[in-house]
Amino acid sequence: MKIRNILLAAIAVIVLAGAAAPANAAVHHHHRHHRHHRR
């Protein structure tokens, strides 16, 4: 049961990381692009 709980936690972290990474990169890229355009 403990091992199963660890696996579920690991999957949750991977899913959250996979979902947050593209969003963070997109926001950062958009902000950088806007700043460059403003310059």
PDB file of N, CA and C in Angstrom:
ATOM      1  N   MET A   1       0.839  -1.208   0.000  1.00  0.00           N
ATOM      2  CA  MET A   1       0.000   0.000   0.000  1.00  0.00           C
ATOM      3  C   MET A   1       0.868   1.249   0.000  1.00  0.00           C
ATOM      4  N   LYS A   2       1.926   1.253   0.798  1.00  0.00           N
ATOM      5  CA  LYS A   2       2.806   2.432   0.831  1.00  0.00           C
ATOM      6  C   LYS A   2       3.452   2.636  -0.539  1.00  0.00           C
ATOM      7  N   ILE A   3       3.893   1.526  -1.152  1.00  0.00           N
ATOM      8  CA  ILE A   3       4.525   1.639  -2.477  1.00  0.00           C
ATOM      9  C   ILE A   3       3.524   2.209  -3.473  1.00  0.00           C
ATOM     10  N   ARG A   4       2.265   1.749  -3.375  1.00  0.00           N
ATOM     11  CA  ARG A   4       1.245   2.245  -4.297  1.00  0.00           C
ATOM     12  C   ARG A   4       1.028   3.742  -4.088  1.00  0.00           C
ATOM     13  N   ASN A   5       1.046   4.159  -2.847  1.00  0.00           N
ATOM     14  CA  ASN A   5       0.858   5.582  -2.545  1.00  0.00           C
ATOM     15  C   ASN A   5       2.010   6.401  -3.139  1.00  0.00           C
ATOM     16  N   ILE A   6       3.220   5.867  -3.030  1.00  0.00           N
ATOM     17  CA  ILE A   6       4.392   6.565  -3.584  1.00  0.00           C
ATOM     18  C   ILE A   6       4.264   6.682  -5.099  1.00  0.00           C
ATOM     19  N   LEU A   7       3.800   5.609  -5.730  1.00  0.00           N
ATOM     20  CA  LEU A   7       3.647   5.635  -7.191  1.00  0.00           C
ATOM     21  C   LEU A   7       2.608   6.689  -7.589  1.00  0.00           C
ATOM     22  N   LEU A   8       1.510   6.738  -6.859  1.00  0.00           N
ATOM     23  CA  LEU A   8       0.472   7.735  -7.175  1.00  0.00           C
ATOM     24  C   LEU A   8       1.030   9.143  -6.997  1.00  0.00           C
ATOM     25  N   ALA A   9       1.798   9.344  -5.955  1.00  0.00           N
ATOM     26  CA  ALA A   9       2.377  10.669  -5.700  1.00  0.00           C
ATOM     27  C   ALA A   9       3.351  11.036  -6.819  1.00  0.00           C
ATOM     28  N   ALA A  10       4.156  10.074  -7.243  1.00  0.00           N
ATOM     29  CA  ALA A  10       5.133  10.329  -8.307  1.00  0.00           C
ATOM     30  C   ALA A  10       4.415  10.689  -9.604  1.00  0.00           C
ATOM     31  N   ILE A  11       3.354   9.946  -9.912  1.00  0.00           N
ATOM     32  CA  ILE A  11       2.593  10.228 -11.137  1.00  0.00           C
ATOM     33  C   ILE A  11       1.991  11.624 -11.062  1.00  0.00           C
ATOM     34  N   ALA A  12       1.461  11.988  -9.905  1.00  0.00           N
ATOM     35  CA  ALA A  12       0.854  13.305  -9.735  1.00  0.00           C
ATOM     36  C   ALA A  12       1.892  14.408  -9.959  1.00  0.00           C
ATOM     37  N   VAL A  13       3.070  14.215  -9.426  1.00  0.00           N
ATOM     38  CA  VAL A  13       4.137  15.221  -9.578  1.00  0.00           C
ATOM     39  C   VAL A  13       4.529  15.348 -11.048  1.00  0.00           C
ATOM     40  N   ILE A  14       4.650  14.213 -11.731  1.00  0.00           N
ATOM     41  CA  ILE A  14       5.034  14.236 -13.150  1.00  0.00           C
ATOM     42  C   ILE A  14       3.964  14.955 -13.967  1.00  0.00           C
ATOM     43  N   VAL A  15       2.701  14.644 -13.678  1.00  0.00           N
ATOM     44  CA  VAL A  15       1.599  15.277 -14.427  1.00  0.00           C
ATOM     45  C   VAL A  15       1.589  16.781 -14.169  1.00  0.00           C
ATOM     46  N   LEU A  16       1.733  17.168 -12.907  1.00  0.00           N
ATOM     47  CA  LEU A  16       1.733  18.600 -12.571  1.00  0.00           C
ATOM     48  C   LEU A  16       2.922  19.294 -13.226  1.00  0.00           C
ATOM     49  N   ALA A  17       4.078  18.662 -13.191  1.00  0.00           N
ATOM     50  CA  ALA A  17       5.278  19.262 -13.791  1.00  0.00           C
ATOM     51  C   ALA A  17       5.085  19.391 -15.305  1.00  0.00           C
ATOM     52  N   GLY A  18       4.543  18.351 -15.918  1.00  0.00           N
ATOM     53  CA  GLY A  18       4.332  18.375 -17.366  1.00  0.00           C
ATOM     54  C   GLY A  18       3.310  19.438 -17.751  1.00  0.00           C
ATOM     55  N   ALA A  19       2.321  19.670 -16.885  1.00  0.00           N
ATOM     56  CA  ALA A  19       1.281  20.658 -17.192  1.00  0.00           C
ATOM     57  C   ALA A  19       1.779  22.075 -16.906  1.00  0.00           C
ATOM     58  N   ALA A  20       2.641  22.232 -15.918  1.00  0.00           N
ATOM     59  CA  ALA A  20       3.121  23.560 -15.530  1.00  0.00           C
ATOM     60  C   ALA A  20       4.280  24.031 -16.420  1.00  0.00           C
ATOM     61  N   ALA A  21       5.118  23.118 -16.866  1.00  0.00           N
ATOM     62  CA  ALA A  21       6.298  23.494 -17.658  1.00  0.00           C
ATOM     63  C   ALA A  21       5.920  24.259 -18.932  1.00  0.00           C
ATOM     64  N   PRO A  22       5.054  23.727 -19.784  1.00  0.00           N
ATOM     65  CA  PRO A  22       4.703  24.440 -21.031  1.00  0.00           C
ATOM     66  C   PRO A  22       4.042  25.788 -20.735  1.00  0.00           C
ATOM     67  N   ALA A  23       3.195  25.840 -19.722  1.00  0.00           N
ATOM     68  CA  ALA A  23       2.506  27.095 -19.390  1.00  0.00           C
ATOM     69  C   ALA A  23       3.523  28.135 -18.937  1.00  0.00           C
ATOM     70  N   ASN A  24       4.451  27.731 -18.065  1.00  0.00           N
ATOM     71  CA  ASN A  24       5.462  28.663 -17.566  1.00  0.00           C
ATOM     72  C   ASN A  24       6.348  29.129 -18.720  1.00  0.00           C
ATOM     73  N   ALA A  25       6.733  28.207 -19.590  1.00  0.00           N
ATOM     74  CA  ALA A  25       7.596  28.559 -20.727  1.00  0.00           C
ATOM     75  C   ALA A  25       6.847  29.504 -21.664  1.00  0.00           C
ATOM     76  N   ALA A  26       5.558  29.236 -21.884  1.00  0.00           N
ATOM     77  CA  ALA A  26       4.773  30.084 -22.788  1.00  0.00           C
ATOM     78  C   ALA A  26       4.647  31.493 -22.215  1.00  0.00           C
ATOM     79  N   VAL A  27       4.360  31.593 -20.920  1.00  0.00           N
ATOM     80  CA  VAL A  27       4.220  32.898 -20.289  1.00  0.00           C
ATOM     81  C   VAL A  27       5.551  33.644 -20.331  1.00  0.00           C
ATOM     82  N   HIS A  28       6.634  32.941 -20.022  1.00  0.00           N
ATOM     83  CA  HIS A  28       7.939  33.592 -20.021  1.00  0.00           C
ATOM     84  C   HIS A  28       8.302  34.030 -21.436  1.00  0.00           C
ATOM     85  N   HIS A  29       8.030  33.176 -22.407  1.00  0.00           N
ATOM     86  CA  HIS A  29       8.351  33.511 -23.787  1.00  0.00           C
ATOM     87  C   HIS A  29       7.514  34.700 -24.253  1.00  0.00           C
ATOM     88  N   HIS A  30       6.243  34.703 -23.892  1.00  0.00           N
ATOM     89  CA  HIS A  30       5.361  35.794 -24.297  1.00  0.00           C
ATOM     90  C   HIS A  30       5.839  37.102 -23.666  1.00  0.00           C
ATOM     91  N   HIS A  31       6.189  37.045 -22.385  1.00  0.00           N
ATOM     92  CA  HIS A  31       6.643  38.249 -21.696  1.00  0.00           C
ATOM     93  C   HIS A  31       7.942  38.747 -22.322  1.00  0.00           C
ATOM     94  N   ARG A  32       8.843  37.823 -22.629  1.00  0.00           N
ATOM     95  CA  ARG A  32      10.118  38.211 -23.220  1.00  0.00           C
ATOM     96  C   ARG A  32       9.905  38.811 -24.607  1.00  0.00           C
ATOM     97  N   HIS A  33       9.000  38.203 -25.352  1.00  0.00           N
ATOM     98  CA  HIS A  33       8.735  38.704 -26.700  1.00  0.00           C
ATOM     99  C   HIS A  33       8.135  40.107 -26.629  1.00  0.00           C
ATOM    100  N   HIS A  34       7.238  40.323 -25.680  1.00  0.00           N
ATOM    101  CA  HIS A  34       6.605  41.629 -25.528  1.00  0.00           C
ATOM    102  C   HIS A  34       7.655  42.668 -25.133  1.00  0.00           C
ATOM    103  N   ARG A  35       8.550  42.288 -24.233  1.00  0.00           N
ATOM    104  CA  ARG A  35       9.578  43.223 -23.786  1.00  0.00           C
ATOM    105  C   ARG A  35      10.491  43.572 -24.960  1.00  0.00           C
ATOM    106  N   HIS A  36      10.842  42.576 -25.757  1.00  0.00           N
ATOM    107  CA  HIS A  36      11.715  42.818 -26.894  1.00  0.00           C
ATOM    108  C   HIS A  36      11.012  43.725 -27.911  1.00  0.00           C
ATOM    109  N   HIS A  37       9.728  43.500 -28.109  1.00  0.00           N
ATOM    110  CA  HIS A  37       8.971  44.313 -29.060  1.00  0.00           C
ATOM    111  C   HIS A  37       8.898  45.756 -28.557  1.00  0.00           C
ATOM    112  N   ARG A  38       8.738  45.909 -27.237  1.00  0.00           N
ATOM    113  CA  ARG A  38       8.637  47.247 -26.666  1.00  0.00           C
ATOM    114  C   ARG A  38       9.950  48.005 -26.881  1.00  0.00           C
ATOM    115  N   ARG A  39      11.069  47.279 -26.797  1.00  0.00           N
ATOM    116  CA  ARG A  39      12.365  47.922 -27.003  1.00  0.00           C
ATOM    117  C   ARG A  39      12.490  48.360 -28.468  1.00  0.00           C
TER     118      ARG A  39
END
